[in-house]
PDB file of all heavy atoms in Angstrom:
ATOM      1  N   ILE A   1       5.702 -17.714   5.347  1.00  0.00           N
ATOM      2  CA  ILE A   1       6.133 -18.203   4.062  1.00  0.00           C
ATOM      3  C   ILE A   1       7.636 -18.272   3.959  1.00  0.00           C
ATOM      4  O   ILE A   1       8.203 -19.264   3.460  1.00  0.00           O
ATOM      5  CB  ILE A   1       5.589 -17.252   2.951  1.00  0.00           C
ATOM      6  CG1 ILE A   1       4.049 -17.339   2.854  1.00  0.00           C
ATOM      7  CG2 ILE A   1       6.209 -17.557   1.589  1.00  0.00           C
ATOM      8  CD1 ILE A   1       3.431 -16.292   1.949  1.00  0.00           C
ATOM      9  N   ALA A   2       8.319 -17.252   4.491  1.00  0.00           N
ATOM     10  CA  ALA A   2       9.795 -17.207   4.394  1.00  0.00           C
ATOM     11  C   ALA A   2      10.467 -18.308   5.205  1.00  0.00           C
ATOM     12  O   ALA A   2      11.489 -18.851   4.789  1.00  0.00           O
ATOM     13  CB  ALA A   2      10.306 -15.827   4.881  1.00  0.00           C
ATOM     14  N   ARG A   3       9.841 -18.701   6.315  1.00  0.00           N
ATOM     15  CA  ARG A   3      10.540 -19.722   7.153  1.00  0.00           C
ATOM     16  C   ARG A   3      10.086 -21.158   6.831  1.00  0.00           C
ATOM     17  O   ARG A   3      10.549 -22.095   7.472  1.00  0.00           O
ATOM     18  CB  ARG A   3      10.281 -19.434   8.621  1.00  0.00           C
ATOM     19  CG  ARG A   3       8.859 -19.660   9.085  1.00  0.00           C
ATOM     20  CD  ARG A   3       8.766 -19.600  10.584  1.00  0.00           C
ATOM     21  NE  ARG A   3       7.363 -19.669  11.051  1.00  0.00           N
ATOM     22  CZ  ARG A   3       6.699 -20.795  11.168  1.00  0.00           C
ATOM     23  NH1 ARG A   3       7.239 -21.947  10.840  1.00  0.00           N
ATOM     24  NH2 ARG A   3       5.436 -20.764  11.582  1.00  0.00           N
ATOM     25  N   PHE A   4       9.165 -21.276   5.849  1.00  0.00           N
ATOM     26  CA  PHE A   4       8.638 -22.632   5.554  1.00  0.00           C
ATOM     27  C   PHE A   4       9.789 -23.567   5.162  1.00  0.00           C
ATOM     28  O   PHE A   4      10.570 -23.307   4.244  1.00  0.00           O
ATOM     29  CB  PHE A   4       7.635 -22.539   4.415  1.00  0.00           C
ATOM     30  CG  PHE A   4       6.997 -23.882   4.063  1.00  0.00           C
ATOM     31  CD1 PHE A   4       6.044 -24.415   4.851  1.00  0.00           C
ATOM     32  CD2 PHE A   4       7.440 -24.549   2.927  1.00  0.00           C
ATOM     33  CE1 PHE A   4       5.487 -25.656   4.528  1.00  0.00           C
ATOM     34  CE2 PHE A   4       6.900 -25.787   2.585  1.00  0.00           C
ATOM     35  CZ  PHE A   4       5.909 -26.337   3.398  1.00  0.00           C
ATOM     36  N   GLY A   5       9.889 -24.690   5.857  1.00  0.00           N
ATOM     37  CA  GLY A   5      10.869 -25.700   5.531  1.00  0.00           C
ATOM     38  C   GLY A   5      12.255 -25.480   6.120  1.00  0.00           C
ATOM     39  O   GLY A   5      13.163 -26.247   5.882  1.00  0.00           O
ATOM     40  N   THR A   6      12.451 -24.404   6.902  1.00  0.00           N
ATOM     41  CA  THR A   6      13.750 -24.122   7.477  1.00  0.00           C
ATOM     42  C   THR A   6      13.861 -24.701   8.890  1.00  0.00           C
ATOM     43  O   THR A   6      12.855 -24.884   9.579  1.00  0.00           O
ATOM     44  CB  THR A   6      14.037 -22.603   7.560  1.00  0.00           C
ATOM     45  OG1 THR A   6      13.072 -22.008   8.397  1.00  0.00           O
ATOM     46  CG2 THR A   6      13.980 -21.971   6.166  1.00  0.00           C
ATOM     47  N   ARG A   7      15.096 -24.954   9.328  1.00  0.00           N
ATOM     48  CA  ARG A   7      15.367 -25.344  10.690  1.00  0.00           C
ATOM     49  C   ARG A   7      15.827 -24.128  11.480  1.00  0.00           C
ATOM     50  O   ARG A   7      16.770 -23.455  11.066  1.00  0.00           O
ATOM     51  CB  ARG A   7      16.435 -26.447  10.757  1.00  0.00           C
ATOM     52  CG  ARG A   7      15.995 -27.761  10.168  1.00  0.00           C
ATOM     53  CD  ARG A   7      17.080 -28.823  10.353  1.00  0.00           C
ATOM     54  NE  ARG A   7      16.665 -30.134   9.869  1.00  0.00           N
ATOM     55  CZ  ARG A   7      17.409 -31.240   9.931  1.00  0.00           C
ATOM     56  NH1 ARG A   7      18.609 -31.149  10.468  1.00  0.00           N
ATOM     57  NH2 ARG A   7      16.965 -32.381   9.445  1.00  0.00           N
ATOM     58  N   GLN A   8      15.162 -23.892  12.588  1.00  0.00           N
ATOM     59  CA  GLN A   8      15.454 -22.686  13.339  1.00  0.00           C
ATOM     60  C   GLN A   8      16.120 -23.041  14.658  1.00  0.00           C
ATOM     61  O   GLN A   8      15.734 -24.002  15.320  1.00  0.00           O
ATOM     62  CB  GLN A   8      14.161 -21.901  13.630  1.00  0.00           C
ATOM     63  CG  GLN A   8      13.425 -21.480  12.373  1.00  0.00           C
ATOM     64  CD  GLN A   8      12.175 -20.700  12.689  1.00  0.00           C
ATOM     65  OE1 GLN A   8      12.233 -19.628  13.218  1.00  0.00           O
ATOM     66  NE2 GLN A   8      11.009 -21.272  12.388  1.00  0.00           N
ATOM     67  N   PRO A   9      17.102 -22.236  15.086  1.00  0.00           N
ATOM     68  CA  PRO A   9      17.755 -22.474  16.389  1.00  0.00           C
ATOM     69  C   PRO A   9      16.822 -22.141  17.538  1.00  0.00           C
ATOM     70  O   PRO A   9      15.854 -21.401  17.369  1.00  0.00           O
ATOM     71  CB  PRO A   9      18.967 -21.528  16.340  1.00  0.00           C
ATOM     72  CG  PRO A   9      18.568 -20.427  15.457  1.00  0.00           C
ATOM     73  CD  PRO A   9      17.669 -21.052  14.384  1.00  0.00           C
ATOM     74  N   ARG A  10      17.152 -22.646  18.712  1.00  0.00           N
ATOM     75  CA  ARG A  10      16.315 -22.377  19.856  1.00  0.00           C
ATOM     76  C   ARG A  10      16.365 -20.890  20.253  1.00  0.00           C
ATOM     77  O   ARG A  10      15.356 -20.280  20.562  1.00  0.00           O
ATOM     78  CB  ARG A  10      16.742 -23.258  21.027  1.00  0.00           C
ATOM     79  CG  ARG A  10      15.932 -23.052  22.289  1.00  0.00           C
ATOM     80  CD  ARG A  10      16.295 -24.080  23.377  1.00  0.00           C
ATOM     81  NE  ARG A  10      16.016 -25.446  22.887  1.00  0.00           N
ATOM     82  CZ  ARG A  10      16.327 -26.523  23.581  1.00  0.00           C
ATOM     83  NH1 ARG A  10      16.921 -26.428  24.755  1.00  0.00           N
ATOM     84  NH2 ARG A  10      16.088 -27.740  23.117  1.00  0.00           N
ATOM     85  N   GLU A  11      17.576 -20.330  20.186  1.00  0.00           N
ATOM     86  CA  GLU A  11      17.759 -18.913  20.508  1.00  0.00           C
ATOM     87  C   GLU A  11      17.991 -18.120  19.223  1.00  0.00           C
ATOM     88  O   GLU A  11      18.957 -18.432  18.493  1.00  0.00           O
ATOM     89  CB  GLU A  11      18.931 -18.735  21.487  1.00  0.00           C
ATOM     90  CG  GLU A  11      18.686 -19.246  22.862  1.00  0.00           C
ATOM     91  CD  GLU A  11      17.572 -18.515  23.587  1.00  0.00           C
ATOM     92  OE1 GLU A  11      17.405 -17.289  23.344  1.00  0.00           O
ATOM     93  OE2 GLU A  11      16.832 -19.165  24.347  1.00  0.00           O
ATOM     94  N   PRO A  12      17.207 -17.142  18.940  1.00  0.00           N
ATOM     95  CA  PRO A  12      17.377 -16.370  17.707  1.00  0.00           C
ATOM     96  C   PRO A  12      18.735 -15.637  17.695  1.00  0.00           C
ATOM     97  O   PRO A  12      19.158 -15.151  18.736  1.00  0.00           O
ATOM     98  CB  PRO A  12      16.243 -15.338  17.722  1.00  0.00           C
ATOM     99  CG  PRO A  12      15.243 -15.904  18.682  1.00  0.00           C
ATOM    100  CD  PRO A  12      16.001 -16.688  19.694  1.00  0.00           C
ATOM    101  N   ASP A  13      19.368 -15.572  16.538  1.00  0.00           N
ATOM    102  CA  ASP A  13      20.640 -14.856  16.377  1.00  0.00           C
ATOM    103  C   ASP A  13      20.411 -13.768  15.334  1.00  0.00           C
ATOM    104  O   ASP A  13      20.714 -13.916  14.152  1.00  0.00           O
ATOM    105  CB  ASP A  13      21.751 -15.810  15.963  1.00  0.00           C
ATOM    106  CG  ASP A  13      23.076 -15.090  15.808  1.00  0.00           C
ATOM    107  OD1 ASP A  13      23.201 -13.928  16.264  1.00  0.00           O
ATOM    108  OD2 ASP A  13      24.032 -15.688  15.226  1.00  0.00           O
ATOM    109  N   TYR A  14      19.905 -12.635  15.762  1.00  0.00           N
ATOM    110  CA  TYR A  14      19.606 -11.542  14.877  1.00  0.00           C
ATOM    111  C   TYR A  14      20.886 -10.959  14.285  1.00  0.00           C
ATOM    112  O   TYR A  14      20.964 -10.669  13.079  1.00  0.00           O
ATOM    113  CB  TYR A  14      18.826 -10.433  15.601  1.00  0.00           C
ATOM    114  CG  TYR A  14      17.532 -10.935  16.211  1.00  0.00           C
ATOM    115  CD1 TYR A  14      17.485 -11.377  17.508  1.00  0.00           C
ATOM    116  CD2 TYR A  14      16.366 -10.941  15.468  1.00  0.00           C
ATOM    117  CE1 TYR A  14      16.304 -11.843  18.078  1.00  0.00           C
ATOM    118  CE2 TYR A  14      15.192 -11.436  15.998  1.00  0.00           C
ATOM    119  CZ  TYR A  14      15.160 -11.869  17.307  1.00  0.00           C
ATOM    120  OH  TYR A  14      13.981 -12.349  17.859  1.00  0.00           O
ATOM    121  N   ALA A  15      21.901 -10.775  15.088  1.00  0.00           N
ATOM    122  CA  ALA A  15      23.136 -10.200  14.638  1.00  0.00           C
ATOM    123  C   ALA A  15      23.792 -11.099  13.560  1.00  0.00           C
ATOM    124  O   ALA A  15      24.274 -10.613  12.521  1.00  0.00           O
ATOM    125  CB  ALA A  15      24.130 -10.011  15.802  1.00  0.00           C
ATOM    126  N   GLY A  16      23.761 -12.411  13.766  1.00  0.00           N
ATOM    127  CA  GLY A  16      24.325 -13.311  12.774  1.00  0.00           C
ATOM    128  C   GLY A  16      23.573 -13.271  11.464  1.00  0.00           C
ATOM    129  O   GLY A  16      24.193 -13.353  10.400  1.00  0.00           O
ATOM    130  N   ALA A  17      22.253 -13.099  11.505  1.00  0.00           N
ATOM    131  CA  ALA A  17      21.472 -13.008  10.277  1.00  0.00           C
ATOM    132  C   ALA A  17      21.795 -11.769   9.478  1.00  0.00           C
ATOM    133  O   ALA A  17      22.038 -11.855   8.277  1.00  0.00           O
ATOM    134  CB  ALA A  17      19.986 -13.018  10.657  1.00  0.00           C
ATOM    135  N   PHE A  18      21.865 -10.617  10.158  1.00  0.00           N
ATOM    136  CA  PHE A  18      22.181  -9.390   9.444  1.00  0.00           C
ATOM    137  C   PHE A  18      23.609  -9.421   8.901  1.00  0.00           C
ATOM    138  O   PHE A  18      23.882  -8.903   7.838  1.00  0.00           O
ATOM    139  CB  PHE A  18      22.009  -8.202  10.350  1.00  0.00           C
ATOM    140  CG  PHE A  18      20.558  -7.763  10.536  1.00  0.00           C
ATOM    141  CD1 PHE A  18      19.749  -8.359  11.456  1.00  0.00           C
ATOM    142  CD2 PHE A  18      20.016  -6.795   9.708  1.00  0.00           C
ATOM    143  CE1 PHE A  18      18.432  -7.995  11.599  1.00  0.00           C
ATOM    144  CE2 PHE A  18      18.701  -6.419   9.814  1.00  0.00           C
ATOM    145  CZ  PHE A  18      17.891  -7.021  10.771  1.00  0.00           C
ATOM    146  N   GLN A  19      24.501 -10.057   9.649  1.00  0.00           N
ATOM    147  CA  GLN A  19      25.883 -10.175   9.175  1.00  0.00           C
ATOM    148  C   GLN A  19      25.945 -11.011   7.888  1.00  0.00           C
ATOM    149  O   GLN A  19      26.680 -10.647   6.934  1.00  0.00           O
ATOM    150  CB  GLN A  19      26.716 -10.877  10.248  1.00  0.00           C
ATOM    151  CG  GLN A  19      28.210 -10.999   9.970  1.00  0.00           C
ATOM    152  CD  GLN A  19      28.982  -9.816  10.503  1.00  0.00           C
ATOM    153  OE1 GLN A  19      28.448  -9.048  11.291  1.00  0.00           O
ATOM    154  NE2 GLN A  19      30.219  -9.677  10.087  1.00  0.00           N
ATOM    155  N   GLU A  20      25.160 -12.055   7.838  1.00  0.00           N
ATOM    156  CA  GLU A  20      25.161 -12.923   6.628  1.00  0.00           C
ATOM    157  C   GLU A  20      24.522 -12.245   5.404  1.00  0.00           C
ATOM    158  O   GLU A  20      24.970 -12.430   4.301  1.00  0.00           O
ATOM    159  CB  GLU A  20      24.428 -14.220   6.935  1.00  0.00           C
ATOM    160  CG  GLU A  20      24.454 -15.207   5.802  1.00  0.00           C
ATOM    161  CD  GLU A  20      23.754 -16.527   6.148  1.00  0.00           C
ATOM    162  OE1 GLU A  20      23.707 -16.885   7.315  1.00  0.00           O
ATOM    163  OE2 GLU A  20      23.236 -17.163   5.179  1.00  0.00           O
ATOM    164  N   ILE A  21      23.509 -11.427   5.640  1.00  0.00           N
ATOM    165  CA  ILE A  21      22.811 -10.789   4.519  1.00  0.00           C
ATOM    166  C   ILE A  21      23.725  -9.811   3.796  1.00  0.00           C
ATOM    167  O   ILE A  21      23.697  -9.736   2.542  1.00  0.00           O
ATOM    168  CB  ILE A  21      21.517 -10.076   5.015  1.00  0.00           C
ATOM    169  CG1 ILE A  21      20.519 -11.139   5.452  1.00  0.00           C
ATOM    170  CG2 ILE A  21      20.936  -9.202   3.926  1.00  0.00           C
ATOM    171  CD1 ILE A  21      19.287 -10.566   6.117  1.00  0.00           C
ATOM    172  N   GLY A  22      24.555  -9.028   4.519  1.00  0.00           N
ATOM    173  CA  GLY A  22      25.493  -8.193   3.801  1.00  0.00           C
ATOM    174  C   GLY A  22      25.670  -6.788   4.401  1.00  0.00           C
ATOM    175  O   GLY A  22      25.087  -6.475   5.453  1.00  0.00           O
ATOM    176  N   PRO A  23      26.459  -5.939   3.733  1.00  0.00           N
ATOM    177  CA  PRO A  23      26.847  -4.637   4.285  1.00  0.00           C
ATOM    178  C   PRO A  23      25.662  -3.733   4.673  1.00  0.00           C
ATOM    179  O   PRO A  23      25.660  -3.146   5.753  1.00  0.00           O
ATOM    180  CB  PRO A  23      27.676  -4.023   3.161  1.00  0.00           C
ATOM    181  CG  PRO A  23      28.195  -5.188   2.396  1.00  0.00           C
ATOM    182  CD  PRO A  23      27.124  -6.221   2.462  1.00  0.00           C
ATOM    183  N   ALA A  24      24.697  -3.563   3.780  1.00  0.00           N
ATOM    184  CA  ALA A  24      23.582  -2.668   4.075  1.00  0.00           C
ATOM    185  C   ALA A  24      22.777  -3.214   5.231  1.00  0.00           C
ATOM    186  O   ALA A  24      22.289  -2.425   6.068  1.00  0.00           O
ATOM    187  CB  ALA A  24      22.690  -2.504   2.826  1.00  0.00           C
ATOM    188  N   ALA A  25      22.639  -4.528   5.324  1.00  0.00           N
ATOM    189  CA  ALA A  25      21.875  -5.108   6.436  1.00  0.00           C
ATOM    190  C   ALA A  25      22.597  -4.873   7.751  1.00  0.00           C
ATOM    191  O   ALA A  25      21.970  -4.730   8.816  1.00  0.00           O
ATOM    192  CB  ALA A  25      21.686  -6.614   6.197  1.00  0.00           C
ATOM    193  N   ILE A  26      23.935  -4.886   7.740  1.00  0.00           N
ATOM    194  CA  ILE A  26      24.682  -4.617   8.971  1.00  0.00           C
ATOM    195  C   ILE A  26      24.359  -3.241   9.495  1.00  0.00           C
ATOM    196  O   ILE A  26      24.095  -3.024  10.697  1.00  0.00           O
ATOM    197  CB  ILE A  26      26.196  -4.766   8.733  1.00  0.00           C
ATOM    198  CG1 ILE A  26      26.540  -6.248   8.469  1.00  0.00           C
ATOM    199  CG2 ILE A  26      26.999  -4.204   9.876  1.00  0.00           C
ATOM    200  CD1 ILE A  26      27.976  -6.479   8.068  1.00  0.00           C
ATOM    201  N   LYS A  27      24.350  -2.247   8.583  1.00  0.00           N
ATOM    202  CA  LYS A  27      24.012  -0.876   8.993  1.00  0.00           C
ATOM    203  C   LYS A  27      22.572  -0.791   9.476  1.00  0.00           C
ATOM    204  O   LYS A  27      22.238  -0.078  10.450  1.00  0.00           O
ATOM    205  CB  LYS A  27      24.242   0.078   7.827  1.00  0.00           C
ATOM    206  CG  LYS A  27      25.684   0.189   7.379  1.00  0.00           C
ATOM    207  CD  LYS A  27      26.546   0.674   8.530  1.00  0.00           C
ATOM    208  CE  LYS A  27      28.018   0.788   8.125  1.00  0.00           C
ATOM    209  NZ  LYS A  27      28.871   1.136   9.270  1.00  0.00           N
ATOM    210  N   LEU A  28      21.664  -1.504   8.788  1.00  0.00           N
ATOM    211  CA  LEU A  28      20.249  -1.530   9.219  1.00  0.00           C
ATOM    212  C   LEU A  28      20.136  -2.153  10.612  1.00  0.00           C
ATOM    213  O   LEU A  28      19.401  -1.662  11.467  1.00  0.00           O
ATOM    214  CB  LEU A  28      19.414  -2.311   8.201  1.00  0.00           C
ATOM    215  CG  LEU A  28      17.937  -2.460   8.551  1.00  0.00           C
ATOM    216  CD1 LEU A  28      17.238  -1.090   8.653  1.00  0.00           C
ATOM    217  CD2 LEU A  28      17.224  -3.304   7.513  1.00  0.00           C
ATOM    218  N   GLY A  29      20.853  -3.239  10.818  1.00  0.00           N
ATOM    219  CA  GLY A  29      20.819  -3.880  12.128  1.00  0.00           C
ATOM    220  C   GLY A  29      21.314  -2.972  13.261  1.00  0.00           C
ATOM    221  O   GLY A  29      20.755  -2.959  14.358  1.00  0.00           O
TER     222      GLY A  29
END
């Protein structure tokens, strides 16, 4: 459901995603 309609890169960038979400996500990552 969350990824419906999104364009995804060939190689996942987990670090970039947590960085974009915010401070608490950085610590969680």
